């Protein structure tokens, strides 16, 4: 009886480790709550007009976030850099397990122009 119990515990542990490894290998996205928290945090940053895309990768339980955001096209490089830093610091403080954030800036309306161009 003890042998069956120990075998069951070993199988359960193997299932936990194996399922987490498979989730990382197939690049399973994090929960909708995590995605919503990321978007909400980014949208609070002054100067961000639209969150165009969010890509999240997991590695060892840590999250790597890649964002494309839209900003006013007339801002300076320095202002754009400051917006990126605010996003990075805000996400790393607000959302657990984020260890790296990469931000790409696009001029306001770029997503809409790309979307409309694809429709025609």
PDB file of N, CA and C in Angstrom:
ATOM      1  N   UNK A   1       0.822  -1.198   0.000  1.00  0.00           N
ATOM      2  CA  UNK A   1       0.000   0.000   0.000  1.00  0.00           C
ATOM      3  C   UNK A   1       0.872   1.269   0.000  1.00  0.00           C
ATOM      4  N   UNK A   2       1.911   1.257   0.786  1.00  0.00           N
ATOM      5  CA  UNK A   2       2.813   2.400   0.856  1.00  0.00           C
ATOM      6  C   UNK A   2       3.482   2.630  -0.493  1.00  0.00           C
ATOM      7  N   UNK A   3       3.804   1.548  -1.176  1.00  0.00           N
ATOM      8  CA  UNK A   3       4.442   1.646  -2.483  1.00  0.00           C
ATOM      9  C   UNK A   3       3.529   2.357  -3.478  1.00  0.00           C
ATOM     10  N   UNK A   4       2.258   2.042  -3.439  1.00  0.00           N
ATOM     11  CA  UNK A   4       1.283   2.682  -4.341  1.00  0.00           C
ATOM     12  C   UNK A   4       1.173   4.171  -4.018  1.00  0.00           C
ATOM     13  N   UNK A   5       1.165   4.505  -2.742  1.00  0.00           N
ATOM     14  CA  UNK A   5       1.091   5.907  -2.336  1.00  0.00           C
ATOM     15  C   UNK A   5       2.327   6.682  -2.800  1.00  0.00           C
ATOM     16  N   UNK A   6       3.494   6.113  -2.616  1.00  0.00           N
ATOM     17  CA  UNK A   6       4.732   6.770  -3.051  1.00  0.00           C
ATOM     18  C   UNK A   6       4.759   6.910  -4.571  1.00  0.00           C
ATOM     19  N   UNK A   7       4.341   5.861  -5.284  1.00  0.00           N
ATOM     20  CA  UNK A   7       4.290   5.934  -6.749  1.00  0.00           C
ATOM     21  C   UNK A   7       3.325   7.027  -7.196  1.00  0.00           C
ATOM     22  N   UNK A   8       2.200   7.160  -6.497  1.00  0.00           N
ATOM     23  CA  UNK A   8       1.237   8.213  -6.817  1.00  0.00           C
ATOM     24  C   UNK A   8       1.819   9.592  -6.611  1.00  0.00           C
ATOM     25  N   UNK A   9       2.550   9.790  -5.520  1.00  0.00           N
ATOM     26  CA  UNK A   9       3.186  11.080  -5.260  1.00  0.00           C
ATOM     27  C   UNK A   9       4.248  11.407  -6.311  1.00  0.00           C
ATOM     28  N   UNK A  10       5.011  10.400  -6.709  1.00  0.00           N
ATOM     29  CA  UNK A  10       6.025  10.608  -7.744  1.00  0.00           C
ATOM     30  C   UNK A  10       5.368  10.973  -9.068  1.00  0.00           C
ATOM     31  N   UNK A  11       4.297  10.265  -9.439  1.00  0.00           N
ATOM     32  CA  UNK A  11       3.583  10.576 -10.684  1.00  0.00           C
ATOM     33  C   UNK A  11       2.982  11.978 -10.654  1.00  0.00           C
ATOM     34  N   UNK A  12       2.432  12.355  -9.511  1.00  0.00           N
ATOM     35  CA  UNK A  12       1.857  13.700  -9.384  1.00  0.00           C
ATOM     36  C   UNK A  12       2.937  14.771  -9.561  1.00  0.00           C
ATOM     37  N   UNK A  13       4.069  14.590  -8.912  1.00  0.00           N
ATOM     38  CA  UNK A  13       5.180  15.546  -9.047  1.00  0.00           C
ATOM     39  C   UNK A  13       5.683  15.605 -10.480  1.00  0.00           C
ATOM     40  N   UNK A  14       5.815  14.440 -11.112  1.00  0.00           N
ATOM     41  CA  UNK A  14       6.265  14.405 -12.509  1.00  0.00           C
ATOM     42  C   UNK A  14       5.278  15.129 -13.406  1.00  0.00           C
ATOM     43  N   UNK A  15       3.997  14.969 -13.152  1.00  0.00           N
ATOM     44  CA  UNK A  15       2.977  15.650 -13.950  1.00  0.00           C
ATOM     45  C   UNK A  15       3.100  17.170 -13.802  1.00  0.00           C
ATOM     46  N   UNK A  16       3.283  17.644 -12.575  1.00  0.00           N
ATOM     47  CA  UNK A  16       3.419  19.083 -12.330  1.00  0.00           C
ATOM     48  C   UNK A  16       4.629  19.661 -13.060  1.00  0.00           C
ATOM     49  N   UNK A  17       5.776  19.006 -12.917  1.00  0.00           N
ATOM     50  CA  UNK A  17       7.000  19.493 -13.554  1.00  0.00           C
ATOM     51  C   UNK A  17       6.869  19.418 -15.072  1.00  0.00           C
ATOM     52  N   UNK A  18       6.364  18.296 -15.567  1.00  0.00           N
ATOM     53  CA  UNK A  18       6.233  18.101 -17.017  1.00  0.00           C
ATOM     54  C   UNK A  18       5.249  19.060 -17.653  1.00  0.00           C
ATOM     55  N   UNK A  19       4.110  19.290 -17.012  1.00  0.00           N
ATOM     56  CA  UNK A  19       3.111  20.189 -17.606  1.00  0.00           C
ATOM     57  C   UNK A  19       3.627  21.622 -17.659  1.00  0.00           C
ATOM     58  N   UNK A  20       4.345  22.060 -16.626  1.00  0.00           N
ATOM     59  CA  UNK A  20       4.921  23.412 -16.652  1.00  0.00           C
ATOM     60  C   UNK A  20       5.969  23.543 -17.746  1.00  0.00           C
ATOM     61  N   UNK A  21       6.774  22.509 -17.932  1.00  0.00           N
ATOM     62  CA  UNK A  21       7.798  22.543 -18.984  1.00  0.00           C
ATOM     63  C   UNK A  21       7.160  22.605 -20.360  1.00  0.00           C
ATOM     64  N   UNK A  22       6.098  21.846 -20.575  1.00  0.00           N
ATOM     65  CA  UNK A  22       5.404  21.861 -21.872  1.00  0.00           C
ATOM     66  C   UNK A  22       4.768  23.222 -22.125  1.00  0.00           C
ATOM     67  N   UNK A  23       4.199  23.831 -21.099  1.00  0.00           N
ATOM     68  CA  UNK A  23       3.603  25.165 -21.257  1.00  0.00           C
ATOM     69  C   UNK A  23       4.645  26.174 -21.721  1.00  0.00           C
ATOM     70  N   UNK A  24       5.851  26.090 -21.175  1.00  0.00           N
ATOM     71  CA  UNK A  24       6.910  27.007 -21.610  1.00  0.00           C
ATOM     72  C   UNK A  24       7.366  26.694 -23.020  1.00  0.00           C
ATOM     73  N   UNK A  25       7.467  25.414 -23.343  1.00  0.00           N
ATOM     74  CA  UNK A  25       7.935  25.028 -24.673  1.00  0.00           C
ATOM     75  C   UNK A  25       6.977  25.473 -25.776  1.00  0.00           C
ATOM     76  N   UNK A  26       5.683  25.404 -25.500  1.00  0.00           N
ATOM     77  CA  UNK A  26       4.718  25.807 -26.534  1.00  0.00           C
ATOM     78  C   UNK A  26       4.370  27.286 -26.429  1.00  0.00           C
ATOM     79  N   UNK A  27       5.055  27.983 -25.526  1.00  0.00           N
ATOM     80  CA  UNK A  27       4.892  29.431 -25.371  1.00  0.00           C
ATOM     81  C   UNK A  27       3.456  29.816 -25.028  1.00  0.00           C
ATOM     82  N   UNK A  28       2.900  29.118 -24.063  1.00  0.00           N
ATOM     83  CA  UNK A  28       1.538  29.387 -23.614  1.00  0.00           C
ATOM     84  C   UNK A  28       1.476  30.781 -22.995  1.00  0.00           C
ATOM     85  N   UNK A  29       0.478  31.546 -23.385  1.00  0.00           N
ATOM     86  CA  UNK A  29       0.378  32.919 -22.873  1.00  0.00           C
ATOM     87  C   UNK A  29      -0.081  32.919 -21.418  1.00  0.00           C
ATOM     88  N   UNK A  30       0.294  33.954 -20.678  1.00  0.00           N
ATOM     89  CA  UNK A  30      -0.140  34.047 -19.285  1.00  0.00           C
ATOM     90  C   UNK A  30      -1.639  34.326 -19.201  1.00  0.00           C
ATOM     91  N   UNK A  31      -2.135  34.400 -17.995  1.00  0.00           N
ATOM     92  CA  UNK A  31      -3.569  34.575 -17.777  1.00  0.00           C
ATOM     93  C   UNK A  31      -4.079  35.913 -18.328  1.00  0.00           C
ATOM     94  N   UNK A  32      -5.370  35.971 -18.533  1.00  0.00           N
ATOM     95  CA  UNK A  32      -6.004  37.214 -18.988  1.00  0.00           C
ATOM     96  C   UNK A  32      -5.847  38.311 -17.934  1.00  0.00           C
ATOM     97  N   UNK A  33      -5.792  37.919 -16.662  1.00  0.00           N
ATOM     98  CA  UNK A  33      -5.604  38.912 -15.600  1.00  0.00           C
ATOM     99  C   UNK A  33      -4.235  39.580 -15.728  1.00  0.00           C
ATOM    100  N   UNK A  34      -3.210  38.787 -16.063  1.00  0.00           N
ATOM    101  CA  UNK A  34      -1.870  39.343 -16.235  1.00  0.00           C
ATOM    102  C   UNK A  34      -1.844  40.293 -17.419  1.00  0.00           C
ATOM    103  N   UNK A  35      -2.434  39.881 -18.533  1.00  0.00           N
ATOM    104  CA  UNK A  35      -2.489  40.726 -19.720  1.00  0.00           C
ATOM    105  C   UNK A  35      -3.251  42.020 -19.435  1.00  0.00           C
ATOM    106  N   UNK A  36      -4.378  41.911 -18.740  1.00  0.00           N
ATOM    107  CA  UNK A  36      -5.165  43.104 -18.396  1.00  0.00           C
ATOM    108  C   UNK A  36      -4.371  44.036 -17.484  1.00  0.00           C
ATOM    109  N   UNK A  37      -3.628  43.479 -16.532  1.00  0.00           N
ATOM    110  CA  UNK A  37      -2.822  44.303 -15.624  1.00  0.00           C
ATOM    111  C   UNK A  37      -1.722  45.025 -16.391  1.00  0.00           C
ATOM    112  N   UNK A  38      -1.119  44.350 -17.366  1.00  0.00           N
ATOM    113  CA  UNK A  38      -0.076  44.980 -18.177  1.00  0.00           C
ATOM    114  C   UNK A  38      -0.656  46.133 -18.980  1.00  0.00           C
ATOM    115  N   UNK A  39      -1.761  45.888 -19.684  1.00  0.00           N
ATOM    116  CA  UNK A  39      -2.374  46.943 -20.500  1.00  0.00           C
ATOM    117  C   UNK A  39      -2.835  48.113 -19.649  1.00  0.00           C
ATOM    118  N   UNK A  40      -3.415  47.826 -18.502  1.00  0.00           N
ATOM    119  CA  UNK A  40      -3.892  48.893 -17.615  1.00  0.00           C
ATOM    120  C   UNK A  40      -2.735  49.747 -17.108  1.00  0.00           C
ATOM    121  N   UNK A  41      -1.647  49.107 -16.742  1.00  0.00           N
ATOM    122  CA  UNK A  41      -0.474  49.833 -16.251  1.00  0.00           C
ATOM    123  C   UNK A  41       0.121  50.708 -17.344  1.00  0.00           C
ATOM    124  N   UNK A  42       0.211  50.181 -18.559  1.00  0.00           N
ATOM    125  CA  UNK A  42       0.792  50.944 -19.668  1.00  0.00           C
ATOM    126  C   UNK A  42      -0.093  52.128 -20.029  1.00  0.00           C
ATOM    127  N   UNK A  43      -1.406  51.929 -20.050  1.00  0.00           N
ATOM    128  CA  UNK A  43      -2.319  53.001 -20.435  1.00  0.00           C
ATOM    129  C   UNK A  43      -2.332  54.150 -19.425  1.00  0.00           C
ATOM    130  N   UNK A  44      -1.878  53.899 -18.191  1.00  0.00           N
ATOM    131  CA  UNK A  44      -1.819  54.956 -17.183  1.00  0.00           C
ATOM    132  C   UNK A  44      -0.642  55.912 -17.409  1.00  0.00           C
ATOM    133  N   UNK A  45       0.331  55.497 -18.200  1.00  0.00           N
ATOM    134  CA  UNK A  45       1.523  56.328 -18.415  1.00  0.00           C
ATOM    135  C   UNK A  45       1.163  57.503 -19.322  1.00  0.00           C
ATOM    136  N   UNK A  46       1.497  58.691 -18.867  1.00  0.00           N
ATOM    137  CA  UNK A  46       1.202  59.887 -19.643  1.00  0.00           C
ATOM    138  C   UNK A  46       1.997  59.868 -20.947  1.00  0.00           C
ATOM    139  N   UNK A  47       1.310  60.143 -22.040  1.00  0.00           N
ATOM    140  CA  UNK A  47       1.950  60.161 -23.352  1.00  0.00           C
ATOM    141  C   UNK A  47       1.590  58.960 -24.208  1.00  0.00           C
ATOM    142  N   UNK A  48       1.105  57.887 -23.582  1.00  0.00           N
ATOM    143  CA  UNK A  48       0.685  56.701 -24.337  1.00  0.00           C
ATOM    144  C   UNK A  48      -0.731  56.938 -24.828  1.00  0.00           C
ATOM    145  N   UNK A  49      -0.927  56.841 -26.150  1.00  0.00           N
ATOM    146  CA  UNK A  49      -2.264  57.046 -26.697  1.00  0.00           C
ATOM    147  C   UNK A  49      -2.949  55.727 -27.039  1.00  0.00           C
ATOM    148  N   UNK A  50      -2.167  54.661 -27.257  1.00  0.00           N
ATOM    149  CA  UNK A  50      -2.759  53.381 -27.642  1.00  0.00           C
ATOM    150  C   UNK A  50      -1.736  52.276 -27.443  1.00  0.00           C
ATOM    151  N   UNK A  51      -2.189  51.136 -26.922  1.00  0.00           N
ATOM    152  CA  UNK A  51      -1.330  49.963 -26.821  1.00  0.00           C
ATOM    153  C   UNK A  51      -1.612  49.107 -28.044  1.00  0.00           C
ATOM    154  N   UNK A  52      -0.649  49.076 -28.960  1.00  0.00           N
ATOM    155  CA  UNK A  52      -0.850  48.417 -30.241  1.00  0.00           C
ATOM    156  C   UNK A  52      -0.711  46.903 -30.134  1.00  0.00           C
ATOM    157  N   UNK A  53       0.323  46.431 -29.474  1.00  0.00           N
ATOM    158  CA  UNK A  53       0.477  44.984 -29.307  1.00  0.00           C
ATOM    159  C   UNK A  53       1.268  44.686 -28.048  1.00  0.00           C
ATOM    160  N   UNK A  54       0.969  43.530 -27.473  1.00  0.00           N
ATOM    161  CA  UNK A  54       1.665  43.047 -26.285  1.00  0.00           C
ATOM    162  C   UNK A  54       2.068  41.604 -26.560  1.00  0.00           C
ATOM    163  N   UNK A  55       3.345  41.328 -26.444  1.00  0.00           N
ATOM    164  CA  UNK A  55       3.849  39.956 -26.581  1.00  0.00           C
ATOM    165  C   UNK A  55       4.523  39.588 -25.272  1.00  0.00           C
ATOM    166  N   UNK A  56       4.176  38.418 -24.770  1.00  0.00           N
ATOM    167  CA  UNK A  56       4.719  37.981 -23.494  1.00  0.00           C
ATOM    168  C   UNK A  56       5.328  36.596 -23.667  1.00  0.00           C
ATOM    169  N   UNK A  57       6.551  36.453 -23.229  1.00  0.00           N
ATOM    170  CA  UNK A  57       7.248  35.170 -23.251  1.00  0.00           C
ATOM    171  C   UNK A  57       7.545  34.765 -21.810  1.00  0.00           C
ATOM    172  N   UNK A  58       7.464  33.476 -21.551  1.00  0.00           N
ATOM    173  CA  UNK A  58       7.810  32.976 -20.225  1.00  0.00           C
ATOM    174  C   UNK A  58       9.099  32.167 -20.310  1.00  0.00           C
ATOM    175  N   UNK A  59       9.895  32.310 -19.268  1.00  0.00           N
ATOM    176  CA  UNK A  59      11.117  31.530 -19.178  1.00  0.00           C
ATOM    177  C   UNK A  59      11.397  31.283 -17.702  1.00  0.00           C
ATOM    178  N   UNK A  60      11.261  30.045 -17.307  1.00  0.00           N
ATOM    179  CA  UNK A  60      11.505  29.711 -15.909  1.00  0.00           C
ATOM    180  C   UNK A  60      10.566  30.426 -14.954  1.00  0.00           C
ATOM    181  N   UNK A  61       9.340  30.685 -15.375  1.00  0.00           N
ATOM    182  CA  UNK A  61       8.376  31.385 -14.539  1.00  0.00           C
ATOM    183  C   UNK A  61       8.461  32.896 -14.623  1.00  0.00           C
ATOM    184  N   UNK A  62       9.504  33.410 -15.263  1.00  0.00           N
ATOM    185  CA  UNK A  62       9.666  34.851 -15.417  1.00  0.00           C
ATOM    186  C   UNK A  62       9.012  35.304 -16.717  1.00  0.00           C
ATOM    187  N   UNK A  63       8.562  36.540 -16.746  1.00  0.00           N
ATOM    188  CA  UNK A  63       7.892  37.084 -17.922  1.00  0.00           C
ATOM    189  C   UNK A  63       8.772  38.118 -18.617  1.00  0.00           C
ATOM    190  N   UNK A  64       8.878  37.987 -19.915  1.00  0.00           N
ATOM    191  CA  UNK A  64       9.545  38.969 -20.772  1.00  0.00           C
ATOM    192  C   UNK A  64       8.448  39.613 -21.614  1.00  0.00           C
ATOM    193  N   UNK A  65       8.318  40.922 -21.538  1.00  0.00           N
ATOM    194  CA  UNK A  65       7.221  41.632 -22.194  1.00  0.00           C
ATOM    195  C   UNK A  65       7.768  42.504 -23.317  1.00  0.00           C
ATOM    196  N   UNK A  66       7.139  42.390 -24.493  1.00  0.00           N
ATOM    197  CA  UNK A  66       7.445  43.259 -25.628  1.00  0.00           C
ATOM    198  C   UNK A  66       6.176  44.018 -25.966  1.00  0.00           C
ATOM    199  N   UNK A  67       6.294  45.340 -26.044  1.00  0.00           N
ATOM    200  CA  UNK A  67       5.139  46.199 -26.306  1.00  0.00           C
ATOM    201  C   UNK A  67       5.376  47.076 -27.521  1.00  0.00           C
ATOM    202  N   UNK A  68       4.320  47.345 -28.248  1.00  0.00           N
ATOM    203  CA  UNK A  68       4.337  48.418 -29.229  1.00  0.00           C
ATOM    204  C   UNK A  68       3.229  49.371 -28.805  1.00  0.00           C
ATOM    205  N   UNK A  69       3.617  50.617 -28.574  1.00  0.00           N
ATOM    206  CA  UNK A  69       2.644  51.613 -28.132  1.00  0.00           C
ATOM    207  C   UNK A  69       2.648  52.782 -29.102  1.00  0.00           C
ATOM    208  N   UNK A  70       1.536  53.485 -29.125  1.00  0.00           N
ATOM    209  CA  UNK A  70       1.450  54.687 -29.943  1.00  0.00           C
ATOM    210  C   UNK A  70       1.553  55.907 -29.045  1.00  0.00           C
ATOM    211  N   UNK A  71       2.298  56.897 -29.545  1.00  0.00           N
ATOM    212  CA  UNK A  71       2.497  58.159 -28.835  1.00  0.00           C
ATOM    213  C   UNK A  71       2.276  59.302 -29.824  1.00  0.00           C
ATOM    214  N   UNK A  72       2.167  60.510 -29.312  1.00  0.00           N
ATOM    215  CA  UNK A  72       2.044  61.691 -30.160  1.00  0.00           C
ATOM    216  C   UNK A  72       3.276  61.785 -31.057  1.00  0.00           C
ATOM    217  N   UNK A  73       3.094  61.958 -32.370  1.00  0.00           N
ATOM    218  CA  UNK A  73       4.242  61.934 -33.279  1.00  0.00           C
ATOM    219  C   UNK A  73       5.227  63.084 -33.105  1.00  0.00           C
ATOM    220  N   UNK A  74       4.860  64.113 -32.383  1.00  0.00           N
ATOM    221  CA  UNK A  74       5.734  65.283 -32.270  1.00  0.00           C
ATOM    222  C   UNK A  74       6.634  65.263 -31.039  1.00  0.00           C
ATOM    223  N   UNK A  75       6.626  64.182 -30.270  1.00  0.00           N
ATOM    224  CA  UNK A  75       7.481  64.158 -29.080  1.00  0.00           C
ATOM    225  C   UNK A  75       8.947  63.976 -29.487  1.00  0.00           C
ATOM    226  N   UNK A  76       9.828  64.366 -28.587  1.00  0.00           N
ATOM    227  CA  UNK A  76      11.259  64.227 -28.851  1.00  0.00           C
ATOM    228  C   UNK A  76      11.714  62.812 -28.495  1.00  0.00           C
ATOM    229  N   UNK A  77      12.917  62.475 -28.914  1.00  0.00           N
ATOM    230  CA  UNK A  77      13.493  61.171 -28.579  1.00  0.00           C
ATOM    231  C   UNK A  77      13.626  61.041 -27.062  1.00  0.00           C
ATOM    232  N   UNK A  78      14.012  62.124 -26.428  1.00  0.00           N
ATOM    233  CA  UNK A  78      14.158  62.113 -24.976  1.00  0.00           C
ATOM    234  C   UNK A  78      12.822  61.834 -24.286  1.00  0.00           C
ATOM    235  N   UNK A  79      11.752  62.455 -24.774  1.00  0.00           N
ATOM    236  CA  UNK A  79      10.424  62.211 -24.197  1.00  0.00           C
ATOM    237  C   UNK A  79       9.980  60.768 -24.455  1.00  0.00           C
ATOM    238  N   UNK A  80      10.257  60.252 -25.636  1.00  0.00           N
ATOM    239  CA  UNK A  80       9.929  58.864 -25.947  1.00  0.00           C
ATOM    240  C   UNK A  80      10.677  57.892 -25.052  1.00  0.00           C
ATOM    241  N   UNK A  81      11.950  58.178 -24.816  1.00  0.00           N
ATOM    242  CA  UNK A  81      12.751  57.346 -23.924  1.00  0.00           C
ATOM    243  C   UNK A  81      12.175  57.373 -22.509  1.00  0.00           C
ATOM    244  N   UNK A  82      11.775  58.550 -22.046  1.00  0.00           N
ATOM    245  CA  UNK A  82      11.203  58.687 -20.703  1.00  0.00           C
ATOM    246  C   UNK A  82       9.906  57.887 -20.583  1.00  0.00           C
ATOM    247  N   UNK A  83       9.089  57.911 -21.623  1.00  0.00           N
ATOM    248  CA  UNK A  83       7.853  57.126 -21.613  1.00  0.00           C
ATOM    249  C   UNK A  83       8.191  55.639 -21.510  1.00  0.00           C
ATOM    250  N   UNK A  84       9.145  55.187 -22.283  1.00  0.00           N
ATOM    251  CA  UNK A  84       9.563  53.786 -22.227  1.00  0.00           C
ATOM    252  C   UNK A  84      10.059  53.384 -20.849  1.00  0.00           C
ATOM    253  N   UNK A  85      10.833  54.263 -20.209  1.00  0.00           N
ATOM    254  CA  UNK A  85      11.346  53.978 -18.866  1.00  0.00           C
ATOM    255  C   UNK A  85      10.209  53.928 -17.844  1.00  0.00           C
ATOM    256  N   UNK A  86       9.231  54.834 -17.970  1.00  0.00           N
ATOM    257  CA  UNK A  86       8.088  54.821 -17.046  1.00  0.00           C
ATOM    258  C   UNK A  86       7.300  53.526 -17.200  1.00  0.00           C
ATOM    259  N   UNK A  87       7.137  53.082 -18.437  1.00  0.00           N
ATOM    260  CA  UNK A  87       6.420  51.826 -18.683  1.00  0.00           C
ATOM    261  C   UNK A  87       7.182  50.671 -18.045  1.00  0.00           C
ATOM    262  N   UNK A  88       8.474  50.614 -18.297  1.00  0.00           N
ATOM    263  CA  UNK A  88       9.306  49.533 -17.747  1.00  0.00           C
ATOM    264  C   UNK A  88       9.227  49.490 -16.225  1.00  0.00           C
ATOM    265  N   UNK A  89       9.455  50.634 -15.587  1.00  0.00           N
ATOM    266  CA  UNK A  89       9.443  50.692 -14.129  1.00  0.00           C
ATOM    267  C   UNK A  89       8.062  50.366 -13.565  1.00  0.00           C
ATOM    268  N   UNK A  90       7.013  50.891 -14.219  1.00  0.00           N
ATOM    269  CA  UNK A  90       5.655  50.637 -13.754  1.00  0.00           C
ATOM    270  C   UNK A  90       5.286  49.167 -13.841  1.00  0.00           C
ATOM    271  N   UNK A  91       5.621  48.535 -14.971  1.00  0.00           N
ATOM    272  CA  UNK A  91       5.286  47.123 -15.138  1.00  0.00           C
ATOM    273  C   UNK A  91       6.052  46.243 -14.157  1.00  0.00           C
ATOM    274  N   UNK A  92       7.325  46.543 -13.976  1.00  0.00           N
ATOM    275  CA  UNK A  92       8.118  45.711 -13.075  1.00  0.00           C
ATOM    276  C   UNK A  92       7.683  45.875 -11.621  1.00  0.00           C
ATOM    277  N   UNK A  93       7.107  47.023 -11.285  1.00  0.00           N
ATOM    278  CA  UNK A  93       6.617  47.254  -9.928  1.00  0.00           C
ATOM    279  C   UNK A  93       5.208  46.688  -9.721  1.00  0.00           C
ATOM    280  N   UNK A  94       4.362  46.748 -10.758  1.00  0.00           N
ATOM    281  CA  UNK A  94       2.945  46.413 -10.612  1.00  0.00           C
ATOM    282  C   UNK A  94       2.616  44.948 -10.910  1.00  0.00           C
ATOM    283  N   UNK A  95       3.315  44.348 -11.855  1.00  0.00           N
ATOM    284  CA  UNK A  95       2.964  43.001 -12.310  1.00  0.00           C
ATOM    285  C   UNK A  95       4.041  42.021 -11.852  1.00  0.00           C
ATOM    286  N   UNK A  96       3.644  40.983 -11.110  1.00  0.00           N
ATOM    287  CA  UNK A  96       4.645  40.050 -10.604  1.00  0.00           C
ATOM    288  C   UNK A  96       5.339  39.252 -11.719  1.00  0.00           C
ATOM    289  N   UNK A  97       6.576  38.891 -11.476  1.00  0.00           N
ATOM    290  CA  UNK A  97       7.385  38.008 -12.328  1.00  0.00           C
ATOM    291  C   UNK A  97       7.899  38.638 -13.612  1.00  0.00           C
ATOM    292  N   UNK A  98       7.651  39.915 -13.862  1.00  0.00           N
ATOM    293  CA  UNK A  98       8.214  40.539 -15.062  1.00  0.00           C
ATOM    294  C   UNK A  98       9.658  40.892 -14.761  1.00  0.00           C
ATOM    295  N   UNK A  99      10.576  40.412 -15.615  1.00  0.00           N
ATOM    296  CA  UNK A  99      11.987  40.732 -15.392  1.00  0.00           C
ATOM    297  C   UNK A  99      12.587  41.540 -16.537  1.00  0.00           C
ATOM    298  N   UNK A 100      11.852  41.680 -17.641  1.00  0.00           N
ATOM    299  CA  UNK A 100      12.367  42.508 -18.734  1.00  0.00           C
ATOM    300  C   UNK A 100      11.211  43.049 -19.555  1.00  0.00           C
ATOM    301  N   UNK A 101      11.342  44.308 -19.979  1.00  0.00           N
ATOM    302  CA  UNK A 101      10.327  44.963 -20.796  1.00  0.00           C
ATOM    303  C   UNK A 101      11.019  45.656 -21.955  1.00  0.00           C
ATOM    304  N   UNK A 102      10.525  45.399 -23.153  1.00  0.00           N
ATOM    305  CA  UNK A 102      11.041  46.062 -24.350  1.00  0.00           C
ATOM    306  C   UNK A 102       9.889  46.824 -24.987  1.00  0.00           C
ATOM    307  N   UNK A 103      10.107  48.111 -25.230  1.00  0.00           N
ATOM    308  CA  UNK A 103       9.041  48.966 -25.755  1.00  0.00           C
ATOM    309  C   UNK A 103       9.431  49.538 -27.111  1.00  0.00           C
ATOM    310  N   UNK A 104       8.521  49.431 -28.057  1.00  0.00           N
ATOM    311  CA  UNK A 104       8.689  50.058 -29.368  1.00  0.00           C
ATOM    312  C   UNK A 104       7.645  51.159 -29.474  1.00  0.00           C
ATOM    313  N   UNK A 105       8.079  52.343 -29.899  1.00  0.00           N
ATOM    314  CA  UNK A 105       7.156  53.470 -30.055  1.00  0.00           C
ATOM    315  C   UNK A 105       6.739  53.615 -31.504  1.00  0.00           C
ATOM    316  N   UNK A 106       5.475  53.923 -31.707  1.00  0.00           N
ATOM    317  CA  UNK A 106       4.947  54.193 -33.043  1.00  0.00           C
ATOM    318  C   UNK A 106       4.136  55.487 -32.968  1.00  0.00           C
ATOM    319  N   UNK A 107       4.062  56.231 -34.073  1.00  0.00           N
ATOM    320  CA  UNK A 107       3.266  57.459 -34.044  1.00  0.00           C
ATOM    321  C   UNK A 107       1.769  57.144 -33.928  1.00  0.00           C
ATOM    322  N   UNK A 108       1.058  58.023 -33.254  1.00  0.00           N
ATOM    323  CA  UNK A 108      -0.383  57.841 -33.047  1.00  0.00           C
ATOM    324  C   UNK A 108      -1.086  57.629 -34.388  1.00  0.00           C
ATOM    325  N   UNK A 109      -1.973  56.653 -34.440  1.00  0.00           N
ATOM    326  CA  UNK A 109      -2.753  56.357 -35.641  1.00  0.00           C
ATOM    327  C   UNK A 109      -2.117  55.322 -36.560  1.00  0.00           C
ATOM    328  N   UNK A 110      -0.918  54.870 -36.257  1.00  0.00           N
ATOM    329  CA  UNK A 110      -0.222  53.920 -37.118  1.00  0.00           C
ATOM    330  C   UNK A 110      -0.991  52.605 -37.231  1.00  0.00           C
ATOM    331  N   UNK A 111      -1.484  52.093 -36.114  1.00  0.00           N
ATOM    332  CA  UNK A 111      -2.226  50.834 -36.136  1.00  0.00           C
ATOM    333  C   UNK A 111      -3.455  50.951 -37.016  1.00  0.00           C
ATOM    334  N   UNK A 112      -4.177  52.044 -36.883  1.00  0.00           N
ATOM    335  CA  UNK A 112      -5.382  52.252 -37.683  1.00  0.00           C
ATOM    336  C   UNK A 112      -5.043  52.339 -39.163  1.00  0.00           C
ATOM    337  N   UNK A 113      -3.985  53.057 -39.491  1.00  0.00           N
ATOM    338  CA  UNK A 113      -3.570  53.151 -40.904  1.00  0.00           C
ATOM    339  C   UNK A 113      -3.175  51.773 -41.457  1.00  0.00           C
ATOM    340  N   UNK A 114      -2.466  50.983 -40.675  1.00  0.00           N
ATOM    341  CA  UNK A 114      -2.087  49.637 -41.117  1.00  0.00           C
ATOM    342  C   UNK A 114      -3.312  48.754 -41.277  1.00  0.00           C
ATOM    343  N   UNK A 115      -4.245  48.878 -40.362  1.00  0.00           N
ATOM    344  CA  UNK A 115      -5.464  48.077 -40.402  1.00  0.00           C
ATOM    345  C   UNK A 115      -6.286  48.429 -41.637  1.00  0.00           C
ATOM    346  N   UNK A 116      -6.446  49.726 -41.911  1.00  0.00           N
ATOM    347  CA  UNK A 116      -7.223  50.155 -43.058  1.00  0.00           C
ATOM    348  C   UNK A 116      -6.539  49.775 -44.367  1.00  0.00           C
ATOM    349  N   UNK A 117      -5.214  49.845 -44.419  1.00  0.00           N
ATOM    350  CA  UNK A 117      -4.478  49.459 -45.611  1.00  0.00           C
ATOM    351  C   UNK A 117      -4.633  47.967 -45.886  1.00  0.00           C
ATOM    352  N   UNK A 118      -4.713  47.168 -44.845  1.00  0.00           N
ATOM    353  CA  UNK A 118      -4.870  45.721 -45.023  1.00  0.00           C
ATOM    354  C   UNK A 118      -6.268  45.367 -45.526  1.00  0.00           C
ATOM    355  N   UNK A 119      -7.248  46.204 -45.195  1.00  0.00           N
ATOM    356  CA  UNK A 119      -8.620  45.960 -45.608  1.00  0.00           C
ATOM    357  C   UNK A 119      -8.837  46.220 -47.093  1.00  0.00           C
ATOM    358  N   UNK A 120      -8.030  47.095 -47.689  1.00  0.00           N
ATOM    359  CA  UNK A 120      -8.240  47.438 -49.103  1.00  0.00           C
ATOM    360  C   UNK A 120      -7.452  46.553 -50.022  1.00  0.00           C
TER     361      UNK A 120
END
